[in-house]
């Protein structure tokens, strides 16, 4: 019935799903209340999406950012495409998935499992696969055998591919190819639609941490956030039938669509690299893009070169390097007044070199490095020099196929220091970076347009010209494949205080590209294709 109230719905969840029982459920013993609230909000969102009740779905949202009826209709189109409304078994499975998902994140619970099962999805699979642990996830035992196996397969897909990382450009197009191989081996083709729906509703609970009153709908899916999430889901819809080259096109065309919203050009390799960086930095408006360009301009030329190569790397020429929690590192560096985003970007160059030298013989196609510890360190550190020297005292640990960059006690003991006592290696690193810059000074890639000239040209900016090549969700502008190396570097001048177009005229996300022009052409040529896209209907 559509007549029950929001509070009644939450009580129903706590009764029907024993994990959520206030005083006796698994969440009560193993999870923080904030995680339980996120689960309840996500489960509520499933019900309102299936019933088509926008007013209930947006109830926790502030009026000024509330999802519009137009965005709701687009969201409903996606839900209809998934087909969950006509499948009560899928609805039941989805509610069970959301009820138990937070348990995989519980450090208290996971610490009791074998070490190889300490990752959230691996922990859930272990709990579901062992009868002795069924008391932790009792809701799963109420599923039919077919739905129970489907639940485990769904969790395994989340282990392989994180849609949130795709939307933030944390992973690479090689990640899509690996995930596509996993989908091809599935015996249930319809699970992919269920996977995309589960990826949508898991984020619906974000923002419900602070109180039960926020659990009655989705605090997170505001009008702006909904459109951004739908953009990513639209890009991924055709992955199941895509070719290997199509996986790369899907990845970069999603960034093209993001650039279109920001009015940024996508006509050169540097433009593509800058847009990926902007997505990693969670840039959502033109002013944020200007600030990012200013931070970019503070970097040494050789550091820009290294970052462009890293940002364009798609795993075609060598093993991909993926840094999970990199957006969190950037966000914490930006909000920490003691350091800056440009400082974190410089550290990223050192980190890339550090990890590329790591003996990762067990990684065939992609090296995933978890930077959650570095993100926490960036939020707390009080000195730039301490941050820049932190790689001298880190440890790399491998757990369940993922590398973890761990800050040691030598780093944490210096977190409140205003002066760095162990900066000899860092000084040498800076010297070597300067030598590298001078060595590469005569080779550069200049974008066809500057980001700043595009942003600052006029208040009534006509963005249709740059968006023309990206109007189709899976179409990469053909001229990307024709980008060539230029013989001279653009000189980047200092940023002036007034924001006239002339003051920003040389601030570009430029820098050296790949060492050989043919390397770049080979890497980017595969993007110049057109994969048919079906609009949501």
Protein backbone atom coordinates (compact mmCIF):
# COMPACT_ATOMS: atom_id res chain seq x y z
CA UNK A 1 0.00 0.00 0.00
CA UNK A 2 1.12 3.58 -0.66
CA UNK A 3 -0.62 4.85 2.46
CA UNK A 4 1.86 3.85 5.16
CA UNK A 5 4.02 6.59 6.67
CA UNK A 6 7.77 6.97 6.66
CA UNK A 7 8.20 6.17 10.36
CA UNK A 8 6.02 3.10 9.93
CA UNK A 9 8.25 1.95 7.09
CA UNK A 10 11.39 2.18 9.24
CA UNK A 11 9.69 0.13 11.98
CA UNK A 12 8.76 -2.47 9.37
CA UNK A 13 12.40 -2.73 8.27
CA UNK A 14 13.58 -3.27 11.85
CA UNK A 15 11.02 -6.04 12.28
CA UNK A 16 11.42 -7.80 8.94
CA UNK A 17 15.23 -7.63 8.80
CA UNK A 18 16.69 -8.93 12.11
CA UNK A 19 20.09 -7.30 11.44
CA UNK A 20 18.44 -3.92 12.01
CA UNK A 21 16.64 -4.73 15.29
CA UNK A 22 17.45 -1.81 17.65
CA UNK A 23 18.76 -3.81 20.62
CA UNK A 24 19.45 -7.29 19.30
CA UNK A 25 20.46 -6.99 15.65
CA UNK A 26 23.90 -7.40 14.11
CA UNK A 27 24.04 -3.67 13.40
CA UNK A 28 23.55 -2.95 17.11
CA UNK A 29 26.57 -5.06 18.04
CA UNK A 30 28.91 -4.43 15.14
CA UNK A 31 28.04 -1.17 13.34
CA UNK A 32 28.03 2.50 14.21
CA UNK A 33 24.58 4.13 14.33
CA UNK A 34 25.56 6.22 11.31
CA UNK A 35 26.00 3.07 9.20
CA UNK A 36 22.64 1.75 10.33
CA UNK A 37 21.01 5.06 9.39
CA UNK A 38 22.55 4.91 5.92
CA UNK A 39 21.17 1.40 5.47
CA UNK A 40 17.67 2.48 6.53
CA UNK A 41 17.75 5.51 4.23
CA UNK A 42 18.86 3.42 1.26
CA UNK A 43 16.16 0.82 1.95
CA UNK A 44 13.51 3.54 2.22
CA UNK A 45 14.72 4.95 -1.09
CA UNK A 46 14.19 1.58 -2.77
CA UNK A 47 10.55 1.52 -1.67
CA UNK A 48 9.84 5.09 -2.80
CA UNK A 49 11.58 4.51 -6.15
CA UNK A 50 9.56 1.36 -6.80
CA UNK A 51 6.29 3.02 -5.77
CA UNK A 52 7.09 6.23 -7.67
CA UNK A 53 6.61 8.50 -4.65
CA UNK A 54 8.86 11.50 -5.21
CA UNK A 55 7.51 13.45 -2.20
CA UNK A 56 8.58 10.68 0.17
CA UNK A 57 11.94 10.18 -1.57
CA UNK A 58 12.96 13.85 -1.27
CA UNK A 59 11.53 14.38 2.22
CA UNK A 60 14.95 14.71 3.97
CA UNK A 61 16.24 17.22 1.40
CA UNK A 62 16.35 20.98 1.86
CA UNK A 63 13.91 22.87 -0.32
CA UNK A 64 16.55 24.88 -2.18
CA UNK A 65 18.41 21.77 -3.43
CA UNK A 66 15.50 19.33 -3.66
CA UNK A 67 15.30 17.04 -6.66
CA UNK A 68 13.12 18.53 -9.39
CA UNK A 69 10.19 16.68 -10.97
CA UNK A 70 12.16 16.55 -14.25
CA UNK A 71 15.13 14.82 -12.57
CA UNK A 72 12.71 12.46 -10.84
CA UNK A 73 11.23 11.47 -14.19
CA UNK A 74 14.71 10.68 -15.52
CA UNK A 75 15.37 8.61 -12.41
CA UNK A 76 12.10 6.76 -12.89
CA UNK A 77 13.01 6.05 -16.50
CA UNK A 78 16.19 4.37 -15.28
CA UNK A 79 14.28 2.34 -12.67
CA UNK A 80 11.85 1.21 -15.38
CA UNK A 81 14.79 0.15 -17.57
CA UNK A 82 16.16 -1.98 -14.72
CA UNK A 83 12.81 -3.78 -14.47
CA UNK A 84 12.77 -4.13 -10.69
CA UNK A 85 9.16 -2.92 -10.29
CA UNK A 86 7.87 -6.07 -11.95
CA UNK A 87 10.11 -8.40 -9.93
CA UNK A 88 9.22 -8.71 -6.20
CA UNK A 89 12.08 -11.17 -5.71
CA UNK A 90 14.58 -8.55 -6.84
CA UNK A 91 13.06 -6.00 -4.46
CA UNK A 92 13.42 -8.46 -1.57
CA UNK A 93 17.01 -9.25 -2.58
CA UNK A 94 17.87 -5.55 -2.81
CA UNK A 95 16.52 -4.83 0.67
CA UNK A 96 18.53 -7.75 2.09
CA UNK A 97 21.66 -6.51 0.30
CA UNK A 98 21.26 -3.05 1.83
CA UNK A 99 20.49 -4.48 5.29
CA UNK A 100 23.70 -6.55 5.43
CA UNK A 101 26.04 -4.38 3.35
CA UNK A 102 27.21 -2.22 6.28
CA UNK A 103 28.34 -5.29 8.23
CA UNK A 104 31.18 -5.82 5.79
CA UNK A 105 32.59 -2.43 6.84
CA UNK A 106 32.57 -3.24 10.57
CA UNK A 107 36.15 -3.38 11.84
CA UNK A 108 34.97 -5.23 14.95
CA UNK A 109 33.34 -7.96 12.90
CA UNK A 110 35.90 -8.17 10.09
CA UNK A 111 38.78 -8.51 12.58
CA UNK A 112 37.34 -11.89 13.57
CA UNK A 113 37.55 -13.24 10.02
CA UNK A 114 40.57 -14.70 8.21
CA UNK A 115 42.89 -11.97 6.96
CA UNK A 116 42.18 -12.64 3.28
CA UNK A 117 38.53 -11.72 3.91
CA UNK A 118 39.06 -8.32 5.51
CA UNK A 119 37.77 -6.30 2.56
CA UNK A 120 34.03 -5.39 2.87
CA UNK A 121 32.73 -7.51 -0.04
CA UNK A 122 35.02 -10.44 0.76
CA UNK A 123 33.83 -10.31 4.37
CA UNK A 124 30.19 -10.49 3.27
CA UNK A 125 30.87 -13.43 0.94
CA UNK A 126 32.60 -15.25 3.80
CA UNK A 127 29.66 -14.66 6.15
CA UNK A 128 27.16 -15.83 3.54
CA UNK A 129 29.21 -18.91 2.67
CA UNK A 130 29.59 -20.28 6.20
CA UNK A 131 26.62 -21.71 8.04
CA UNK A 132 28.22 -20.92 11.39
CA UNK A 133 28.01 -17.20 10.54
CA UNK A 134 24.38 -17.24 9.39
CA UNK A 135 23.29 -15.64 12.67
CA UNK A 136 25.08 -12.45 11.61
CA UNK A 137 23.12 -12.20 8.35
CA UNK A 138 19.79 -13.91 9.11
CA UNK A 139 17.86 -12.01 6.43
CA UNK A 140 19.89 -13.70 3.70
CA UNK A 141 18.72 -17.13 4.87
CA UNK A 142 15.13 -16.08 4.14
CA UNK A 143 15.85 -15.76 0.42
CA UNK A 144 15.11 -18.57 -1.99
CA UNK A 145 18.18 -20.60 -3.07
CA UNK A 146 18.17 -18.85 -6.46
CA UNK A 147 18.02 -15.37 -4.93
CA UNK A 148 20.64 -16.32 -2.34
CA UNK A 149 23.11 -17.23 -5.10
CA UNK A 150 22.16 -14.07 -6.98
CA UNK A 151 22.93 -12.03 -3.86
CA UNK A 152 26.43 -13.53 -3.62
CA UNK A 153 27.05 -12.87 -7.30
CA UNK A 154 25.89 -9.27 -6.88
CA UNK A 155 28.31 -8.73 -3.99
CA UNK A 156 31.15 -10.21 -6.06
CA UNK A 157 30.43 -7.69 -8.83
CA UNK A 158 30.74 -4.87 -6.29
CA UNK A 159 34.08 -6.33 -5.26
CA UNK A 160 35.33 -6.15 -8.85
CA UNK A 161 33.96 -2.74 -9.82
CA UNK A 162 33.08 0.36 -7.81
CA UNK A 163 30.70 2.63 -9.72
CA UNK A 164 31.47 5.53 -7.38
CA UNK A 165 35.15 5.28 -8.31
CA UNK A 166 34.19 5.33 -11.99
CA UNK A 167 32.10 8.47 -11.53
CA UNK A 168 35.01 10.18 -9.74
CA UNK A 169 37.55 8.94 -12.32
CA UNK A 170 39.50 7.09 -9.61
CA UNK A 171 39.82 3.99 -11.74
CA UNK A 172 40.83 3.68 -15.40
CA UNK A 173 39.32 2.36 -18.59
CA UNK A 174 41.29 -0.84 -17.95
CA UNK A 175 39.12 -1.32 -14.85
CA UNK A 176 36.10 -1.29 -17.15
CA UNK A 177 37.68 -3.94 -19.35
CA UNK A 178 38.39 -6.18 -16.35
CA UNK A 179 34.81 -5.72 -15.14
CA UNK A 180 33.47 -6.44 -18.63
CA UNK A 181 35.33 -9.78 -18.60
CA UNK A 182 33.69 -10.55 -15.26
CA UNK A 183 30.24 -9.78 -16.69
CA UNK A 184 30.90 -12.01 -19.69
CA UNK A 185 31.53 -14.94 -17.37
CA UNK A 186 28.24 -14.47 -15.50
CA UNK A 187 25.50 -17.02 -16.07
CA UNK A 188 22.79 -14.42 -15.39
CA UNK A 189 22.82 -11.56 -17.94
CA UNK A 190 20.09 -9.64 -16.09
CA UNK A 191 22.28 -9.23 -13.00
CA UNK A 192 24.04 -6.24 -14.56
CA UNK A 193 20.87 -4.15 -14.42
CA UNK A 194 20.43 -5.17 -10.80
CA UNK A 195 24.04 -4.23 -10.15
CA UNK A 196 23.56 -0.72 -11.58
CA UNK A 197 20.39 -0.26 -9.53
CA UNK A 198 22.19 -1.38 -6.36
CA UNK A 199 24.98 1.10 -7.13
CA UNK A 200 22.37 3.85 -7.32
CA UNK A 201 20.50 3.04 -4.10
CA UNK A 202 23.64 2.56 -2.00
CA UNK A 203 24.47 6.25 -2.45
CA UNK A 204 20.91 7.23 -1.58
CA UNK A 205 21.76 6.69 2.08
CA UNK A 206 24.69 9.13 2.09
CA UNK A 207 23.98 12.02 4.44
CA UNK A 208 21.67 10.09 6.77
CA UNK A 209 24.45 9.64 9.33
CA UNK A 210 23.34 12.29 11.79
CA UNK A 211 19.84 11.14 12.70
CA UNK A 212 16.92 8.81 12.18
CA UNK A 213 14.79 11.69 10.89
CA UNK A 214 16.97 11.66 7.73
CA UNK A 215 16.37 7.95 7.07
CA UNK A 216 12.87 8.37 5.61
CA UNK A 217 14.19 9.06 2.09
CA UNK A 218 17.40 10.09 0.37
CA UNK A 219 19.23 13.14 1.78
CA UNK A 220 21.91 12.81 -0.90
CA UNK A 221 19.99 12.58 -4.18
CA UNK A 222 19.38 16.29 -4.63
CA UNK A 223 18.69 17.69 -8.08
CA UNK A 224 22.37 18.30 -8.82
CA UNK A 225 23.59 14.98 -7.43
CA UNK A 226 20.86 13.03 -9.22
CA UNK A 227 21.84 14.43 -12.60
CA UNK A 228 25.50 13.63 -11.96
CA UNK A 229 24.75 10.04 -10.92
CA UNK A 230 22.44 9.49 -13.88
CA UNK A 231 25.18 10.72 -16.20
CA UNK A 232 27.49 7.97 -14.95
CA UNK A 233 24.80 5.29 -15.03
CA UNK A 234 23.84 6.27 -18.56
CA UNK A 235 27.46 5.91 -19.64
CA UNK A 236 27.66 2.42 -18.12
CA UNK A 237 24.40 1.09 -19.56
CA UNK A 238 25.98 -0.25 -22.75
CA UNK A 239 29.04 -1.81 -21.08
CA UNK A 240 27.58 -5.30 -21.16
CA UNK A 241 27.57 -5.32 -24.97
CA UNK A 242 30.66 -3.15 -25.53
CA UNK A 243 33.87 -4.28 -27.20
CA UNK A 244 37.27 -3.83 -25.53
CA UNK A 245 37.71 -0.56 -27.45
CA UNK A 246 34.19 0.40 -26.43
CA UNK A 247 35.20 0.18 -22.76
CA UNK A 248 37.75 2.94 -23.33
CA UNK A 249 35.19 5.03 -25.23
CA UNK A 250 32.66 4.67 -22.41
CA UNK A 251 35.23 5.83 -19.85
CA UNK A 252 36.38 8.94 -21.71
CA UNK A 253 32.97 9.87 -23.10
CA UNK A 254 31.69 10.07 -19.52
CA UNK A 255 34.37 12.69 -18.85
CA UNK A 256 33.32 14.45 -22.07
CA UNK A 257 29.80 14.75 -20.68
CA UNK A 258 31.15 16.12 -17.40
CA UNK A 259 33.24 18.65 -19.33
CA UNK A 260 30.16 19.69 -21.28
CA UNK A 261 28.38 20.57 -18.03
CA UNK A 262 31.36 22.68 -16.92
CA UNK A 263 31.93 24.27 -20.33
CA UNK A 264 35.49 22.93 -20.55
CA UNK A 265 37.15 22.09 -23.88
CA UNK A 266 38.00 18.49 -24.76
CA UNK A 267 40.15 18.92 -27.86
CA UNK A 268 43.63 17.86 -26.79
CA UNK A 269 45.35 15.34 -24.59
CA UNK A 270 45.98 18.01 -21.96
CA UNK A 271 42.25 18.85 -21.97
CA UNK A 272 41.38 15.21 -21.34
CA UNK A 273 43.96 14.95 -18.56
CA UNK A 274 42.75 18.15 -16.91
CA UNK A 275 39.13 16.98 -17.02
CA UNK A 276 40.03 13.72 -15.34
CA UNK A 277 41.89 15.69 -12.67
CA UNK A 278 38.88 18.00 -12.26
CA UNK A 279 36.65 14.97 -11.73
CA UNK A 280 39.08 13.53 -9.18
CA UNK A 281 39.00 16.88 -7.39
CA UNK A 282 35.17 16.91 -7.43
CA UNK A 283 35.01 20.13 -9.44
CA UNK A 284 31.34 20.99 -9.99
CA UNK A 285 31.38 24.62 -11.11
CA UNK A 286 33.44 27.06 -13.13
CA UNK A 287 34.98 28.82 -10.12
CA UNK A 288 36.31 25.50 -8.81
CA UNK A 289 37.79 24.83 -12.26
CA UNK A 290 39.54 28.22 -12.13
CA UNK A 291 40.95 27.43 -8.68
CA UNK A 292 42.18 24.05 -9.91
CA UNK A 293 43.87 25.67 -12.92
CA UNK A 294 45.63 28.07 -10.56
CA UNK A 295 46.88 25.13 -8.45
CA UNK A 296 48.01 23.37 -11.61
CA UNK A 297 49.92 26.48 -12.66
CA UNK A 298 51.98 26.33 -9.45
CA UNK A 299 53.49 22.98 -10.47
CA UNK A 300 56.89 22.54 -12.08
CA UNK A 301 56.71 21.71 -15.76
CA UNK A 302 58.11 18.20 -15.28
CA UNK A 303 55.47 17.50 -12.64
CA UNK A 304 52.75 18.56 -15.07
CA UNK A 305 54.26 16.16 -17.60
CA UNK A 306 54.20 13.25 -15.16
CA UNK A 307 50.62 13.97 -14.11
CA UNK A 308 49.37 14.23 -17.69
CA UNK A 309 50.90 10.85 -18.48
CA UNK A 310 49.38 9.32 -15.34
CA UNK A 311 45.94 10.84 -15.99
CA UNK A 312 45.89 9.58 -19.59
CA UNK A 313 47.16 6.12 -18.73
CA UNK A 314 44.59 3.50 -19.74
CA UNK A 315 46.55 0.29 -19.32
CA UNK A 316 47.17 -0.24 -23.03
CA UNK A 317 50.92 0.31 -22.87
CA UNK A 318 51.69 -0.86 -19.35
CA UNK A 319 50.13 -1.91 -16.09
CA UNK A 320 47.51 0.56 -14.86
CA UNK A 321 47.98 2.35 -11.55
CA UNK A 322 44.78 3.07 -9.62
CA UNK A 323 44.74 5.12 -6.41
CA UNK A 324 41.58 4.58 -4.42
CA UNK A 325 40.72 7.43 -2.00
CA UNK A 326 42.66 9.88 -4.18
CA UNK A 327 39.65 12.26 -4.27
CA UNK A 328 39.65 12.22 -0.47
CA UNK A 329 43.36 13.11 -0.48
CA UNK A 330 42.65 16.08 -2.75
CA UNK A 331 39.62 17.19 -0.72
CA UNK A 332 41.52 17.05 2.59
CA UNK A 333 44.52 18.89 1.14
CA UNK A 334 42.22 21.61 -0.17
CA UNK A 335 40.51 22.14 3.19
CA UNK A 336 43.70 21.91 5.27
CA UNK A 337 44.99 25.49 5.53
CA UNK A 338 48.49 24.24 6.42
CA UNK A 339 49.03 22.64 3.01
CA UNK A 340 47.42 23.08 -0.41
CA UNK A 341 46.10 21.16 -3.38
CA UNK A 342 49.22 21.98 -5.42
CA UNK A 343 51.30 20.44 -2.63
CA UNK A 344 49.26 17.24 -2.84
CA UNK A 345 49.61 17.22 -6.64
CA UNK A 346 53.39 17.43 -6.28
CA UNK A 347 53.32 14.61 -3.75
CA UNK A 348 51.24 12.57 -6.20
CA UNK A 349 54.09 12.79 -8.73
CA UNK A 350 56.46 11.31 -6.15
CA UNK A 351 53.88 8.66 -5.25
CA UNK A 352 53.49 7.62 -8.89
CA UNK A 353 57.25 7.12 -9.20
CA UNK A 354 57.32 5.34 -5.83
CA UNK A 355 54.62 2.84 -6.79
CA UNK A 356 55.89 2.27 -10.33
CA UNK A 357 59.12 1.01 -8.76
CA UNK A 358 57.21 -1.34 -6.45
CA UNK A 359 57.79 -5.07 -7.27
CA UNK A 360 54.15 -5.87 -8.05
CA UNK A 361 54.61 -9.24 -9.71
CA UNK A 362 51.19 -10.44 -8.52
CA UNK A 363 49.31 -7.74 -10.46
CA UNK A 364 48.76 -8.74 -14.07
CA UNK A 365 46.75 -5.81 -15.47
CA UNK A 366 46.13 -3.25 -12.77
CA UNK A 367 47.76 -2.18 -9.53
CA UNK A 368 45.25 -0.83 -6.98
CA UNK A 369 46.67 1.24 -4.12
CA UNK A 370 44.48 2.26 -1.18
CA UNK A 371 45.35 5.80 -0.02
CA UNK A 372 42.90 6.07 2.89
CA UNK A 373 45.77 6.45 5.37
CA UNK A 374 47.35 9.21 3.28
CA UNK A 375 43.97 10.98 3.10
CA UNK A 376 43.74 10.95 6.90
CA UNK A 377 47.33 12.19 7.17
CA UNK A 378 46.62 15.05 4.71
CA UNK A 379 43.69 16.17 6.85
CA UNK A 380 45.78 16.31 10.03
CA UNK A 381 49.30 17.36 9.00
CA UNK A 382 50.41 20.87 10.01
CA UNK A 383 53.39 21.35 7.69
CA UNK A 384 53.94 21.15 3.95
CA UNK A 385 57.44 19.79 4.40
CA UNK A 386 56.19 17.00 6.66
CA UNK A 387 53.63 16.01 4.02
CA UNK A 388 56.19 16.12 1.21
CA UNK A 389 58.57 13.89 3.18
CA UNK A 390 55.96 11.32 4.23
CA UNK A 391 56.88 8.81 1.50
CA UNK A 392 60.27 8.37 3.14
CA UNK A 393 58.52 6.63 6.03
CA UNK A 394 55.62 4.64 4.60
CA UNK A 395 54.99 0.94 4.38
CA UNK A 396 53.18 -0.90 1.59
CA UNK A 397 51.04 -3.82 2.70
CA UNK A 398 49.17 -6.20 0.43
CA UNK A 399 45.78 -7.46 1.54
CA UNK A 400 43.33 -9.43 -0.60
CA UNK A 401 44.70 -8.20 -3.92
CA UNK A 402 44.95 -4.54 -2.89
CA UNK A 403 48.01 -2.57 -1.81
CA UNK A 404 47.67 -0.27 1.20
CA UNK A 405 49.95 2.73 1.67
CA UNK A 406 50.44 2.91 5.42
CA UNK A 407 51.71 5.92 7.33
CA UNK A 408 54.15 4.70 9.98
CA UNK A 409 54.64 6.04 13.49
CA UNK A 410 57.50 8.21 12.18
CA UNK A 411 54.97 10.06 10.06
CA UNK A 412 52.24 10.31 12.70
CA UNK A 413 54.75 11.51 15.31
CA UNK A 414 55.45 14.47 13.02
CA UNK A 415 51.82 15.27 12.16
CA UNK A 416 51.63 18.27 14.52
CA UNK A 417 55.15 19.49 13.80
CA UNK A 418 55.55 22.85 12.09
CA UNK A 419 59.06 21.99 10.93
CA UNK A 420 60.32 18.84 9.25
CA UNK A 421 63.15 17.03 10.96
CA UNK A 422 63.69 14.41 8.24
CA UNK A 423 63.70 16.31 4.95
CA UNK A 424 67.09 15.31 3.45
CA UNK A 425 65.57 12.82 1.02
CA UNK A 426 62.84 15.29 0.13
CA UNK A 427 65.43 17.96 -0.68
CA UNK A 428 67.21 15.52 -2.97
CA UNK A 429 63.90 14.66 -4.62
CA UNK A 430 63.23 18.34 -5.33
CA UNK A 431 66.71 18.70 -6.85
CA UNK A 432 66.16 15.70 -9.13
CA UNK A 433 62.78 17.05 -10.15
CA UNK A 434 64.37 20.33 -11.21
CA UNK A 435 66.95 18.47 -13.29
CA UNK A 436 64.19 16.46 -14.94
CA UNK A 437 62.32 19.64 -15.76
CA UNK A 438 65.33 21.18 -17.48
CA UNK A 439 65.94 17.95 -19.41
CA UNK A 440 62.36 17.89 -20.74
CA UNK A 441 61.98 21.63 -21.30
CA UNK A 442 62.10 21.39 -25.10
CA UNK A 443 59.28 18.87 -25.49
CA UNK A 444 55.71 19.95 -24.78
CA UNK A 445 52.09 19.39 -25.59
CA UNK A 446 49.97 22.53 -25.82
CA UNK A 447 46.18 22.27 -25.67
CA UNK A 448 44.31 23.79 -28.59
CA UNK A 449 42.48 26.13 -26.22
CA UNK A 450 43.23 27.19 -22.68
CA UNK A 451 40.87 26.27 -19.90
CA UNK A 452 40.97 29.79 -18.54
CA UNK A 453 40.26 31.53 -21.82
CA UNK A 454 37.22 29.32 -22.19
CA UNK A 455 35.97 30.02 -18.69
CA UNK A 456 36.69 33.74 -18.63
CA UNK A 457 35.72 34.81 -22.15
CA UNK A 458 32.36 36.36 -21.22
CA UNK A 459 29.57 36.18 -18.66
CA UNK A 460 27.18 34.88 -21.34
CA UNK A 461 29.42 32.04 -22.44
CA UNK A 462 28.21 30.03 -25.42
CA UNK A 463 29.37 26.51 -24.68
CA UNK A 464 27.79 24.80 -27.66
CA UNK A 465 30.94 24.82 -29.80
CA UNK A 466 33.04 22.81 -27.38
CA UNK A 467 30.15 20.54 -26.52
CA UNK A 468 29.44 19.75 -30.17
CA UNK A 469 31.90 16.90 -30.36
CA UNK A 470 30.66 15.40 -27.09
CA UNK A 471 26.92 15.57 -27.62
CA UNK A 472 26.62 11.80 -27.90
CA UNK A 473 27.19 9.88 -24.70
CA UNK A 474 29.69 7.47 -26.27
CA UNK A 475 31.33 9.68 -28.89
CA UNK A 476 34.89 10.92 -28.50
CA UNK A 477 35.70 14.00 -30.62
CA UNK A 478 37.58 12.74 -33.72
CA UNK A 479 40.20 15.47 -33.42
CA UNK A 480 41.47 13.93 -30.16
CA UNK A 481 43.29 11.30 -32.19
CA UNK A 482 44.99 14.03 -34.21
CA UNK A 483 46.63 15.83 -31.28
CA UNK A 484 50.33 16.26 -31.94
CA UNK A 485 53.30 17.20 -29.82
CA UNK A 486 54.32 20.83 -30.05
CA UNK A 487 57.88 22.07 -30.09
CA UNK A 488 57.65 24.62 -27.30
CA UNK A 489 56.07 24.92 -23.90
CA UNK A 490 53.51 27.57 -23.07
CA UNK A 491 54.89 29.92 -20.46
CA UNK A 492 52.63 30.02 -17.45
CA UNK A 493 52.48 33.41 -15.84
CA UNK A 494 51.52 34.18 -12.24
CA UNK A 495 47.85 34.52 -11.37
CA UNK A 496 46.78 38.08 -10.83
CA UNK A 497 44.20 39.23 -8.32
CA UNK A 498 41.72 40.69 -10.81
CA UNK A 499 39.83 38.08 -12.82
CA UNK A 500 39.67 39.67 -16.21
CA UNK A 501 40.27 37.41 -19.19
CA UNK A 502 43.69 38.98 -19.79
CA UNK A 503 44.81 38.13 -16.27
CA UNK A 504 44.12 34.45 -16.93
CA UNK A 505 45.35 34.28 -20.48
CA UNK A 506 48.30 31.82 -20.10
CA UNK A 507 47.01 29.70 -17.27
CA UNK A 508 46.63 26.38 -19.01
CA UNK A 509 46.70 22.76 -17.90
CA UNK A 510 49.63 22.16 -20.24
CA UNK A 511 52.84 20.24 -19.89
CA UNK A 512 54.80 17.53 -21.63
CA UNK A 513 52.86 14.60 -22.95
CA UNK A 514 54.12 11.06 -23.47
CA UNK A 515 57.77 10.73 -24.46
CA UNK A 516 56.94 9.56 -27.98
CA UNK A 517 54.22 10.98 -30.14
CA UNK A 518 53.37 7.53 -31.49
CA UNK A 519 52.83 6.28 -27.93
CA UNK A 520 50.14 8.88 -27.42
CA UNK A 521 48.55 8.22 -30.80
CA UNK A 522 48.39 4.49 -30.10
CA UNK A 523 46.87 5.06 -26.69
CA UNK A 524 44.27 7.58 -27.75
CA UNK A 525 43.42 6.31 -31.24
CA UNK A 526 41.09 3.67 -29.82
CA UNK A 527 38.92 6.43 -28.36
CA UNK A 528 38.02 7.87 -31.75
CA UNK A 529 35.04 5.58 -32.26
CA UNK A 530 31.30 5.87 -31.98
CA UNK A 531 29.50 3.35 -29.78
CA UNK A 532 25.72 3.45 -30.28
CA UNK A 533 23.88 4.77 -27.24
CA UNK A 534 20.31 4.03 -26.36
CA UNK A 535 18.50 6.81 -24.62
CA UNK A 536 16.54 5.89 -21.50
CA UNK A 537 13.02 4.94 -22.36
